[in-house]
């Protein structure tokens, strides 16, 4: 589960980057909601993110921990390049 902290740190670093942000998981979610076609890799990244998100939230110890993880997931979903989730596994 420690890898999610690395993803969070990487996402935070993108918030400080002055260049254009990378295409994120949230960008893929928006494409999907707008019925825009997703590539097989994009679809796989979304599936992996959902598994990651579910696993992380289930590991919350209490309401405060859950709330903290939700906030961090928002940052991860907004600023982490979606390709980071192509090879993710449930060990996050």
C-alpha atoms as a PDB file:
ATOM      1  CA  UNK A   1       0.000   0.000   0.000  1.00  0.00           C
ATOM      2  CA  UNK A   2       2.978   2.350   0.201  1.00  0.00           C
ATOM      3  CA  UNK A   3       2.997   2.915  -3.569  1.00  0.00           C
ATOM      4  CA  UNK A   4      -0.104   5.095  -3.357  1.00  0.00           C
ATOM      5  CA  UNK A   5       1.945   7.596  -1.362  1.00  0.00           C
ATOM      6  CA  UNK A   6       4.454   7.717  -4.218  1.00  0.00           C
ATOM      7  CA  UNK A   7       1.620   8.363  -6.681  1.00  0.00           C
ATOM      8  CA  UNK A   8       0.332  11.136  -4.444  1.00  0.00           C
ATOM      9  CA  UNK A   9       3.781  12.737  -4.211  1.00  0.00           C
ATOM     10  CA  UNK A  10       4.156  12.560  -7.986  1.00  0.00           C
ATOM     11  CA  UNK A  11       0.703  14.092  -8.479  1.00  0.00           C
ATOM     12  CA  UNK A  12       1.548  16.946  -6.123  1.00  0.00           C
ATOM     13  CA  UNK A  13       4.744  17.587  -8.081  1.00  0.00           C
ATOM     14  CA  UNK A  14       2.642  17.994 -11.248  1.00  0.00           C
ATOM     15  CA  UNK A  15       0.606  20.705  -9.515  1.00  0.00           C
ATOM     16  CA  UNK A  16       3.816  22.727  -9.216  1.00  0.00           C
ATOM     17  CA  UNK A  17       4.861  22.150 -12.826  1.00  0.00           C
ATOM     18  CA  UNK A  18       4.226  25.203 -15.002  1.00  0.00           C
ATOM     19  CA  UNK A  19       3.855  23.203 -18.220  1.00  0.00           C
ATOM     20  CA  UNK A  20       0.522  21.793 -19.295  1.00  0.00           C
ATOM     21  CA  UNK A  21      -0.672  18.990 -17.044  1.00  0.00           C
ATOM     22  CA  UNK A  22      -0.581  15.431 -18.355  1.00  0.00           C
ATOM     23  CA  UNK A  23      -3.751  13.686 -19.470  1.00  0.00           C
ATOM     24  CA  UNK A  24      -5.084  12.244 -16.233  1.00  0.00           C
ATOM     25  CA  UNK A  25      -7.485   9.563 -15.067  1.00  0.00           C
ATOM     26  CA  UNK A  26     -10.127  12.282 -14.640  1.00  0.00           C
ATOM     27  CA  UNK A  27      -9.629  13.261 -18.285  1.00  0.00           C
ATOM     28  CA  UNK A  28     -10.367   9.658 -19.254  1.00  0.00           C
ATOM     29  CA  UNK A  29     -13.432   9.607 -16.990  1.00  0.00           C
ATOM     30  CA  UNK A  30     -14.735  12.732 -18.711  1.00  0.00           C
ATOM     31  CA  UNK A  31     -14.122  11.211 -22.145  1.00  0.00           C
ATOM     32  CA  UNK A  32     -15.976   8.083 -21.071  1.00  0.00           C
ATOM     33  CA  UNK A  33     -18.907  10.075 -19.648  1.00  0.00           C
ATOM     34  CA  UNK A  34     -19.127  11.993 -22.932  1.00  0.00           C
ATOM     35  CA  UNK A  35     -19.291   8.703 -24.850  1.00  0.00           C
ATOM     36  CA  UNK A  36     -15.979   9.427 -26.549  1.00  0.00           C
ATOM     37  CA  UNK A  37     -14.167   6.261 -27.551  1.00  0.00           C
ATOM     38  CA  UNK A  38     -11.363   5.035 -25.309  1.00  0.00           C
ATOM     39  CA  UNK A  39      -8.413   3.009 -26.489  1.00  0.00           C
ATOM     40  CA  UNK A  40      -7.909  -0.399 -24.928  1.00  0.00           C
ATOM     41  CA  UNK A  41      -5.023   1.050 -22.888  1.00  0.00           C
ATOM     42  CA  UNK A  42      -7.170   3.918 -21.627  1.00  0.00           C
ATOM     43  CA  UNK A  43      -9.926   1.492 -20.707  1.00  0.00           C
ATOM     44  CA  UNK A  44      -7.419  -0.734 -18.865  1.00  0.00           C
ATOM     45  CA  UNK A  45      -6.003   2.266 -16.994  1.00  0.00           C
ATOM     46  CA  UNK A  46      -9.515   3.233 -15.853  1.00  0.00           C
ATOM     47  CA  UNK A  47     -10.231  -0.293 -14.664  1.00  0.00           C
ATOM     48  CA  UNK A  48      -6.914  -0.409 -12.799  1.00  0.00           C
ATOM     49  CA  UNK A  49      -7.638   2.971 -11.203  1.00  0.00           C
ATOM     50  CA  UNK A  50     -11.041   1.769  -9.975  1.00  0.00           C
ATOM     51  CA  UNK A  51      -9.437  -1.319  -8.416  1.00  0.00           C
ATOM     52  CA  UNK A  52      -6.740   0.885  -6.858  1.00  0.00           C
ATOM     53  CA  UNK A  53      -9.314   3.368  -5.518  1.00  0.00           C
ATOM     54  CA  UNK A  54     -11.531   0.650  -4.047  1.00  0.00           C
ATOM     55  CA  UNK A  55      -8.603  -1.107  -2.402  1.00  0.00           C
ATOM     56  CA  UNK A  56      -7.255   2.124  -0.935  1.00  0.00           C
ATOM     57  CA  UNK A  57     -10.605   3.232   0.469  1.00  0.00           C
ATOM     58  CA  UNK A  58     -11.314  -0.197   1.953  1.00  0.00           C
ATOM     59  CA  UNK A  59      -8.025   0.070   3.852  1.00  0.00           C
ATOM     60  CA  UNK A  60      -9.181   3.187   5.734  1.00  0.00           C
ATOM     61  CA  UNK A  61      -8.984   2.737   9.485  1.00  0.00           C
ATOM     62  CA  UNK A  62     -11.675   5.258  10.408  1.00  0.00           C
ATOM     63  CA  UNK A  63     -13.729   8.152   9.018  1.00  0.00           C
ATOM     64  CA  UNK A  64     -10.848  10.618   9.207  1.00  0.00           C
ATOM     65  CA  UNK A  65      -8.509   8.245   7.384  1.00  0.00           C
ATOM     66  CA  UNK A  66     -11.193   7.623   4.752  1.00  0.00           C
ATOM     67  CA  UNK A  67     -11.710  11.360   4.254  1.00  0.00           C
ATOM     68  CA  UNK A  68      -7.958  11.949   3.943  1.00  0.00           C
ATOM     69  CA  UNK A  69      -7.643   9.193   1.350  1.00  0.00           C
ATOM     70  CA  UNK A  70     -10.568  10.584  -0.671  1.00  0.00           C
ATOM     71  CA  UNK A  71      -8.861  13.995  -0.796  1.00  0.00           C
ATOM     72  CA  UNK A  72      -5.586  12.442  -1.905  1.00  0.00           C
ATOM     73  CA  UNK A  73      -7.357  10.321  -4.512  1.00  0.00           C
ATOM     74  CA  UNK A  74      -8.808  13.497  -6.021  1.00  0.00           C
ATOM     75  CA  UNK A  75      -5.325  14.919  -6.438  1.00  0.00           C
ATOM     76  CA  UNK A  76      -4.020  11.635  -7.848  1.00  0.00           C
ATOM     77  CA  UNK A  77      -6.916  11.390 -10.321  1.00  0.00           C
ATOM     78  CA  UNK A  78      -6.493  14.999 -11.444  1.00  0.00           C
ATOM     79  CA  UNK A  79      -2.726  15.194 -11.823  1.00  0.00           C
ATOM     80  CA  UNK A  80      -1.242  11.725 -12.300  1.00  0.00           C
ATOM     81  CA  UNK A  81      -0.757  10.728 -15.937  1.00  0.00           C
ATOM     82  CA  UNK A  82      -3.247   7.985 -16.736  1.00  0.00           C
ATOM     83  CA  UNK A  83      -0.447   5.803 -18.104  1.00  0.00           C
ATOM     84  CA  UNK A  84       0.772   5.371 -14.521  1.00  0.00           C
ATOM     85  CA  UNK A  85      -2.222   3.070 -14.046  1.00  0.00           C
ATOM     86  CA  UNK A  86      -1.541   0.792 -17.002  1.00  0.00           C
ATOM     87  CA  UNK A  87       0.635  -1.597 -15.032  1.00  0.00           C
ATOM     88  CA  UNK A  88      -0.754  -1.059 -11.556  1.00  0.00           C
ATOM     89  CA  UNK A  89      -1.679  -4.049  -9.477  1.00  0.00           C
ATOM     90  CA  UNK A  90      -3.611  -4.583  -6.294  1.00  0.00           C
ATOM     91  CA  UNK A  91      -0.438  -4.222  -4.193  1.00  0.00           C
ATOM     92  CA  UNK A  92      -0.956  -0.474  -4.117  1.00  0.00           C
END
